[in-house]
């Protein structure tokens, strides 16, 4: 791991993913989580203040970055939340089948190397009828913006921890064996359009 990845990138991601427009998106989706909850890509814990704690029976947080998870532990302590942390990528989730009522994924599918495989693992650990709640940025609907996303993405990915700005989020979810039940989308205000087209809602396994 480079010094950039260890010391600079976690702080950059915490800042970029903690902007006011992004926080507003988190406020929309995080309270939907209930029961036994797994957060895939818990990162620095930016979602933790938005949970409806009265609805949470059990909370697990998965992330491959120890540096970000350490930041999340401090947030959990300040929020007086008990979180079971797992240091792992999402392609192999070492948790039992049919265990969770909700899996929350926010601004994470952009960076997972094997998204279809990871979403298959999410499907496996969800109970029958359980919800995958998502909020992600991805491919824009406007052709001109898509062209710029394609041009910039290789450079963006190198400096943003593997983040891709043009993934087809609805297709990735549906191709993983989910039906999208609710879906909203828009450009976030005060955010560059190439990285600011958001999809959010929830899906259940087919």
C-alpha atoms as a PDB file:
ATOM      1  CA  UNK A   1       0.000   0.000   0.000  1.00  0.00           C
ATOM      2  CA  UNK A   2       1.363   3.422  -0.988  1.00  0.00           C
ATOM      3  CA  UNK A   3       1.639   6.364   1.392  1.00  0.00           C
ATOM      4  CA  UNK A   4      -1.055   8.098  -0.675  1.00  0.00           C
ATOM      5  CA  UNK A   5      -3.475   5.185  -0.198  1.00  0.00           C
ATOM      6  CA  UNK A   6      -2.735   4.929   3.519  1.00  0.00           C
ATOM      7  CA  UNK A   7      -2.636   8.569   4.612  1.00  0.00           C
ATOM      8  CA  UNK A   8      -4.108  10.840   1.927  1.00  0.00           C
ATOM      9  CA  UNK A   9      -6.863   8.826   0.232  1.00  0.00           C
ATOM     10  CA  UNK A  10      -8.932   8.045   3.373  1.00  0.00           C
ATOM     11  CA  UNK A  11      -9.109  11.746   4.269  1.00  0.00           C
ATOM     12  CA  UNK A  12      -9.904  12.697   0.678  1.00  0.00           C
ATOM     13  CA  UNK A  13     -12.732  10.145   0.491  1.00  0.00           C
ATOM     14  CA  UNK A  14     -14.139  11.225   3.844  1.00  0.00           C
ATOM     15  CA  UNK A  15     -14.214  14.837   2.656  1.00  0.00           C
ATOM     16  CA  UNK A  16     -15.569  14.162  -0.842  1.00  0.00           C
ATOM     17  CA  UNK A  17     -18.248  11.748   0.373  1.00  0.00           C
ATOM     18  CA  UNK A  18     -19.250  14.047   3.227  1.00  0.00           C
ATOM     19  CA  UNK A  19     -20.354  17.030   1.144  1.00  0.00           C
ATOM     20  CA  UNK A  20     -23.760  18.580   1.848  1.00  0.00           C
ATOM     21  CA  UNK A  21     -25.454  17.243  -1.331  1.00  0.00           C
ATOM     22  CA  UNK A  22     -24.188  13.731  -0.598  1.00  0.00           C
ATOM     23  CA  UNK A  23     -25.216  13.997   3.063  1.00  0.00           C
ATOM     24  CA  UNK A  24     -28.728  14.906   1.882  1.00  0.00           C
ATOM     25  CA  UNK A  25     -28.808  11.708  -0.156  1.00  0.00           C
ATOM     26  CA  UNK A  26     -27.705   9.677   2.839  1.00  0.00           C
ATOM     27  CA  UNK A  27     -30.492  11.283   4.858  1.00  0.00           C
ATOM     28  CA  UNK A  28     -33.004   9.951   2.309  1.00  0.00           C
ATOM     29  CA  UNK A  29     -31.936   6.311   2.259  1.00  0.00           C
ATOM     30  CA  UNK A  30     -30.170   5.345   5.486  1.00  0.00           C
ATOM     31  CA  UNK A  31     -33.293   5.536   7.710  1.00  0.00           C
ATOM     32  CA  UNK A  32     -34.908   2.861   5.508  1.00  0.00           C
ATOM     33  CA  UNK A  33     -32.579   0.250   7.023  1.00  0.00           C
ATOM     34  CA  UNK A  34     -34.162  -1.873   9.726  1.00  0.00           C
ATOM     35  CA  UNK A  35     -33.814  -5.105  11.658  1.00  0.00           C
ATOM     36  CA  UNK A  36     -30.533  -6.911  11.155  1.00  0.00           C
ATOM     37  CA  UNK A  37     -28.486  -4.605   8.926  1.00  0.00           C
ATOM     38  CA  UNK A  38     -25.279  -5.021   6.950  1.00  0.00           C
ATOM     39  CA  UNK A  39     -23.619  -1.897   5.570  1.00  0.00           C
ATOM     40  CA  UNK A  40     -21.356  -2.763   2.651  1.00  0.00           C
ATOM     41  CA  UNK A  41     -18.645  -0.154   2.287  1.00  0.00           C
ATOM     42  CA  UNK A  42     -19.102   1.484   5.674  1.00  0.00           C
ATOM     43  CA  UNK A  43     -16.031   3.601   4.936  1.00  0.00           C
ATOM     44  CA  UNK A  44     -15.413   6.334   7.487  1.00  0.00           C
ATOM     45  CA  UNK A  45     -18.871   5.965   9.033  1.00  0.00           C
ATOM     46  CA  UNK A  46     -20.619   8.829   7.262  1.00  0.00           C
ATOM     47  CA  UNK A  47     -23.946   6.960   7.276  1.00  0.00           C
ATOM     48  CA  UNK A  48     -23.971   6.224  10.988  1.00  0.00           C
ATOM     49  CA  UNK A  49     -25.586   9.495  12.164  1.00  0.00           C
ATOM     50  CA  UNK A  50     -28.528   8.923   9.808  1.00  0.00           C
ATOM     51  CA  UNK A  51     -29.690   5.503  11.032  1.00  0.00           C
ATOM     52  CA  UNK A  52     -33.017   5.310  12.844  1.00  0.00           C
ATOM     53  CA  UNK A  53     -31.527   3.582  15.867  1.00  0.00           C
ATOM     54  CA  UNK A  54     -34.963   2.516  17.134  1.00  0.00           C
ATOM     55  CA  UNK A  55     -35.312   0.267  14.055  1.00  0.00           C
ATOM     56  CA  UNK A  56     -31.887  -1.416  14.242  1.00  0.00           C
ATOM     57  CA  UNK A  57     -31.536  -4.793  15.973  1.00  0.00           C
ATOM     58  CA  UNK A  58     -28.011  -5.560  14.804  1.00  0.00           C
ATOM     59  CA  UNK A  59     -25.520  -3.638  12.650  1.00  0.00           C
ATOM     60  CA  UNK A  60     -22.514  -4.951  10.745  1.00  0.00           C
ATOM     61  CA  UNK A  61     -20.108  -2.786   8.772  1.00  0.00           C
ATOM     62  CA  UNK A  62     -17.890  -4.198   6.028  1.00  0.00           C
ATOM     63  CA  UNK A  63     -14.966  -2.386   4.394  1.00  0.00           C
ATOM     64  CA  UNK A  64     -11.542  -3.408   3.056  1.00  0.00           C
ATOM     65  CA  UNK A  65      -9.838  -0.255   4.368  1.00  0.00           C
ATOM     66  CA  UNK A  66      -8.551  -0.473   7.931  1.00  0.00           C
ATOM     67  CA  UNK A  67      -7.853   3.265   7.889  1.00  0.00           C
ATOM     68  CA  UNK A  68     -11.442   4.143   7.000  1.00  0.00           C
ATOM     69  CA  UNK A  69     -12.831   1.570   9.452  1.00  0.00           C
ATOM     70  CA  UNK A  70     -10.810   3.142  12.256  1.00  0.00           C
ATOM     71  CA  UNK A  71     -12.461   6.468  11.445  1.00  0.00           C
ATOM     72  CA  UNK A  72     -15.860   4.741  11.455  1.00  0.00           C
ATOM     73  CA  UNK A  73     -15.213   3.235  14.889  1.00  0.00           C
ATOM     74  CA  UNK A  74     -14.769   6.732  16.305  1.00  0.00           C
ATOM     75  CA  UNK A  75     -18.059   7.835  14.741  1.00  0.00           C
ATOM     76  CA  UNK A  76     -19.810   4.757  16.139  1.00  0.00           C
ATOM     77  CA  UNK A  77     -18.511   5.597  19.609  1.00  0.00           C
ATOM     78  CA  UNK A  78     -19.704   9.193  19.336  1.00  0.00           C
ATOM     79  CA  UNK A  79     -23.131   7.994  18.141  1.00  0.00           C
ATOM     80  CA  UNK A  80     -23.247   5.352  20.899  1.00  0.00           C
ATOM     81  CA  UNK A  81     -23.834   2.648  18.317  1.00  0.00           C
ATOM     82  CA  UNK A  82     -22.663  -0.941  18.504  1.00  0.00           C
ATOM     83  CA  UNK A  83     -21.215  -1.898  15.122  1.00  0.00           C
ATOM     84  CA  UNK A  84     -19.621  -5.235  14.243  1.00  0.00           C
ATOM     85  CA  UNK A  85     -16.781  -4.371  11.869  1.00  0.00           C
ATOM     86  CA  UNK A  86     -15.462  -6.745   9.205  1.00  0.00           C
ATOM     87  CA  UNK A  87     -12.282  -5.921   7.293  1.00  0.00           C
ATOM     88  CA  UNK A  88     -13.023  -7.432   3.898  1.00  0.00           C
ATOM     89  CA  UNK A  89     -14.003  -6.784   0.325  1.00  0.00           C
ATOM     90  CA  UNK A  90     -17.599  -7.431  -0.672  1.00  0.00           C
ATOM     91  CA  UNK A  91     -16.894 -10.218  -3.156  1.00  0.00           C
ATOM     92  CA  UNK A  92     -16.689 -12.711  -0.268  1.00  0.00           C
ATOM     93  CA  UNK A  93     -18.795 -11.871   2.785  1.00  0.00           C
ATOM     94  CA  UNK A  94     -18.019 -14.222   5.667  1.00  0.00           C
ATOM     95  CA  UNK A  95     -21.540 -14.115   7.112  1.00  0.00           C
ATOM     96  CA  UNK A  96     -24.359 -16.678   6.993  1.00  0.00           C
ATOM     97  CA  UNK A  97     -27.040 -17.047   4.345  1.00  0.00           C
ATOM     98  CA  UNK A  98     -30.476 -15.472   4.839  1.00  0.00           C
ATOM     99  CA  UNK A  99     -29.395 -13.438   7.860  1.00  0.00           C
ATOM    100  CA  UNK A 100     -30.091  -9.765   7.147  1.00  0.00           C
ATOM    101  CA  UNK A 101     -33.299  -7.804   6.776  1.00  0.00           C
ATOM    102  CA  UNK A 102     -31.513  -4.898   5.093  1.00  0.00           C
ATOM    103  CA  UNK A 103     -28.232  -4.375   3.285  1.00  0.00           C
ATOM    104  CA  UNK A 104     -27.207  -0.747   2.797  1.00  0.00           C
ATOM    105  CA  UNK A 105     -24.854   0.210  -0.037  1.00  0.00           C
ATOM    106  CA  UNK A 106     -23.978   3.878  -0.572  1.00  0.00           C
ATOM    107  CA  UNK A 107     -21.308   5.223  -2.917  1.00  0.00           C
ATOM    108  CA  UNK A 108     -19.641   1.821  -2.955  1.00  0.00           C
ATOM    109  CA  UNK A 109     -20.577   0.000  -6.180  1.00  0.00           C
ATOM    110  CA  UNK A 110     -18.371   2.488  -8.007  1.00  0.00           C
ATOM    111  CA  UNK A 111     -15.233   1.027  -6.408  1.00  0.00           C
ATOM    112  CA  UNK A 112     -15.922  -2.707  -5.985  1.00  0.00           C
ATOM    113  CA  UNK A 113     -13.758  -4.560  -8.533  1.00  0.00           C
ATOM    114  CA  UNK A 114     -16.300  -7.383  -9.132  1.00  0.00           C
ATOM    115  CA  UNK A 115     -19.680  -5.756  -8.573  1.00  0.00           C
ATOM    116  CA  UNK A 116     -21.868  -8.588  -9.898  1.00  0.00           C
ATOM    117  CA  UNK A 117     -20.111 -11.064  -7.624  1.00  0.00           C
ATOM    118  CA  UNK A 118     -20.423  -8.707  -4.633  1.00  0.00           C
ATOM    119  CA  UNK A 119     -24.121  -8.111  -5.275  1.00  0.00           C
ATOM    120  CA  UNK A 120     -24.563 -11.870  -5.467  1.00  0.00           C
ATOM    121  CA  UNK A 121     -23.090 -12.103  -1.980  1.00  0.00           C
ATOM    122  CA  UNK A 122     -25.483  -9.387  -0.807  1.00  0.00           C
ATOM    123  CA  UNK A 123     -28.349 -11.402  -2.267  1.00  0.00           C
ATOM    124  CA  UNK A 124     -27.101 -14.510  -0.433  1.00  0.00           C
ATOM    125  CA  UNK A 125     -26.938 -12.914   3.025  1.00  0.00           C
ATOM    126  CA  UNK A 126     -30.346 -11.210   2.696  1.00  0.00           C
ATOM    127  CA  UNK A 127     -33.442 -12.902   4.041  1.00  0.00           C
ATOM    128  CA  UNK A 128     -36.270 -13.716   1.659  1.00  0.00           C
ATOM    129  CA  UNK A 129     -37.922 -10.363   1.002  1.00  0.00           C
ATOM    130  CA  UNK A 130     -35.009  -8.444   2.500  1.00  0.00           C
ATOM    131  CA  UNK A 131     -34.040  -5.111   0.951  1.00  0.00           C
ATOM    132  CA  UNK A 132     -30.894  -3.927  -0.736  1.00  0.00           C
ATOM    133  CA  UNK A 133     -31.031  -0.164  -0.101  1.00  0.00           C
ATOM    134  CA  UNK A 134     -28.743   1.770  -2.408  1.00  0.00           C
ATOM    135  CA  UNK A 135     -27.547   5.251  -3.273  1.00  0.00           C
ATOM    136  CA  UNK A 136     -24.838   5.433  -5.917  1.00  0.00           C
ATOM    137  CA  UNK A 137     -23.381   7.756  -8.516  1.00  0.00           C
ATOM    138  CA  UNK A 138     -22.953   6.470 -12.040  1.00  0.00           C
ATOM    139  CA  UNK A 139     -23.535   6.845 -15.739  1.00  0.00           C
ATOM    140  CA  UNK A 140     -25.279  10.081 -16.698  1.00  0.00           C
ATOM    141  CA  UNK A 141     -28.285  10.156 -19.058  1.00  0.00           C
ATOM    142  CA  UNK A 142     -26.870  12.905 -21.278  1.00  0.00           C
ATOM    143  CA  UNK A 143     -24.665  11.789 -24.145  1.00  0.00           C
ATOM    144  CA  UNK A 144     -22.219  14.680 -23.844  1.00  0.00           C
ATOM    145  CA  UNK A 145     -21.713  14.036 -20.111  1.00  0.00           C
ATOM    146  CA  UNK A 146     -21.272  10.311 -20.786  1.00  0.00           C
ATOM    147  CA  UNK A 147     -18.518  11.093 -23.309  1.00  0.00           C
ATOM    148  CA  UNK A 148     -16.650  13.144 -20.706  1.00  0.00           C
ATOM    149  CA  UNK A 149     -17.172  10.421 -18.084  1.00  0.00           C
ATOM    150  CA  UNK A 150     -15.591   7.896 -20.435  1.00  0.00           C
ATOM    151  CA  UNK A 151     -12.631  10.180 -21.127  1.00  0.00           C
ATOM    152  CA  UNK A 152     -11.949  11.103 -17.522  1.00  0.00           C
ATOM    153  CA  UNK A 153     -12.734   7.799 -15.807  1.00  0.00           C
ATOM    154  CA  UNK A 154      -9.293   6.145 -16.242  1.00  0.00           C
ATOM    155  CA  UNK A 155      -7.547   9.087 -14.581  1.00  0.00           C
ATOM    156  CA  UNK A 156     -10.267   9.559 -11.964  1.00  0.00           C
ATOM    157  CA  UNK A 157     -10.049   5.893 -10.972  1.00  0.00           C
ATOM    158  CA  UNK A 158      -6.313   6.135 -10.294  1.00  0.00           C
ATOM    159  CA  UNK A 159      -6.605   9.053  -7.875  1.00  0.00           C
ATOM    160  CA  UNK A 160      -9.949   8.191  -6.243  1.00  0.00           C
ATOM    161  CA  UNK A 161      -9.282   4.746  -4.855  1.00  0.00           C
ATOM    162  CA  UNK A 162     -10.645   2.809  -7.815  1.00  0.00           C
ATOM    163  CA  UNK A 163     -13.854   4.853  -8.061  1.00  0.00           C
ATOM    164  CA  UNK A 164     -15.581   4.650 -11.456  1.00  0.00           C
ATOM    165  CA  UNK A 165     -17.839   7.545 -12.434  1.00  0.00           C
ATOM    166  CA  UNK A 166     -19.735   5.849 -15.260  1.00  0.00           C
ATOM    167  CA  UNK A 167     -21.010   2.503 -14.039  1.00  0.00           C
ATOM    168  CA  UNK A 168     -24.546   1.528 -15.043  1.00  0.00           C
ATOM    169  CA  UNK A 169     -25.929   1.148 -11.541  1.00  0.00           C
ATOM    170  CA  UNK A 170     -29.503  -0.093 -12.280  1.00  0.00           C
ATOM    171  CA  UNK A 171     -28.170  -2.710 -14.721  1.00  0.00           C
ATOM    172  CA  UNK A 172     -25.561  -3.907 -12.227  1.00  0.00           C
ATOM    173  CA  UNK A 173     -28.262  -4.400  -9.599  1.00  0.00           C
ATOM    174  CA  UNK A 174     -30.721  -6.155 -11.911  1.00  0.00           C
ATOM    175  CA  UNK A 175     -28.036  -8.347 -13.494  1.00  0.00           C
ATOM    176  CA  UNK A 176     -27.165  -9.554  -9.970  1.00  0.00           C
ATOM    177  CA  UNK A 177     -30.596 -11.128  -9.454  1.00  0.00           C
ATOM    178  CA  UNK A 178     -32.516  -8.219  -7.958  1.00  0.00           C
ATOM    179  CA  UNK A 179     -35.747  -6.483  -8.884  1.00  0.00           C
ATOM    180  CA  UNK A 180     -35.599  -2.733  -8.331  1.00  0.00           C
ATOM    181  CA  UNK A 181     -38.783  -1.749  -6.501  1.00  0.00           C
ATOM    182  CA  UNK A 182     -38.130   1.962  -6.117  1.00  0.00           C
ATOM    183  CA  UNK A 183     -35.687   4.045  -8.145  1.00  0.00           C
ATOM    184  CA  UNK A 184     -35.054   7.784  -8.261  1.00  0.00           C
ATOM    185  CA  UNK A 185     -32.302   9.582 -10.116  1.00  0.00           C
ATOM    186  CA  UNK A 186     -30.953  13.079 -10.660  1.00  0.00           C
ATOM    187  CA  UNK A 187     -27.852  15.252 -10.888  1.00  0.00           C
ATOM    188  CA  UNK A 188     -26.829  16.383  -7.424  1.00  0.00           C
ATOM    189  CA  UNK A 189     -26.799  20.163  -6.982  1.00  0.00           C
ATOM    190  CA  UNK A 190     -23.449  21.918  -6.529  1.00  0.00           C
ATOM    191  CA  UNK A 191     -21.640  18.819  -7.833  1.00  0.00           C
ATOM    192  CA  UNK A 192     -19.720  18.346 -11.100  1.00  0.00           C
ATOM    193  CA  UNK A 193     -22.069  16.572 -13.511  1.00  0.00           C
ATOM    194  CA  UNK A 194     -19.464  14.010 -14.549  1.00  0.00           C
ATOM    195  CA  UNK A 195     -19.477  12.600 -11.003  1.00  0.00           C
ATOM    196  CA  UNK A 196     -22.836  13.784  -9.743  1.00  0.00           C
ATOM    197  CA  UNK A 197     -25.541  11.680 -11.361  1.00  0.00           C
ATOM    198  CA  UNK A 198     -27.191   9.718  -8.542  1.00  0.00           C
ATOM    199  CA  UNK A 199     -29.415   6.653  -8.431  1.00  0.00           C
ATOM    200  CA  UNK A 200     -31.165   5.669  -5.206  1.00  0.00           C
ATOM    201  CA  UNK A 201     -33.929   3.379  -3.971  1.00  0.00           C
ATOM    202  CA  UNK A 202     -34.230  -0.240  -2.965  1.00  0.00           C
ATOM    203  CA  UNK A 203     -34.357  -3.676  -4.540  1.00  0.00           C
ATOM    204  CA  UNK A 204     -35.326  -7.205  -3.499  1.00  0.00           C
ATOM    205  CA  UNK A 205     -34.051 -10.547  -4.751  1.00  0.00           C
ATOM    206  CA  UNK A 206     -35.940 -12.075  -7.672  1.00  0.00           C
END
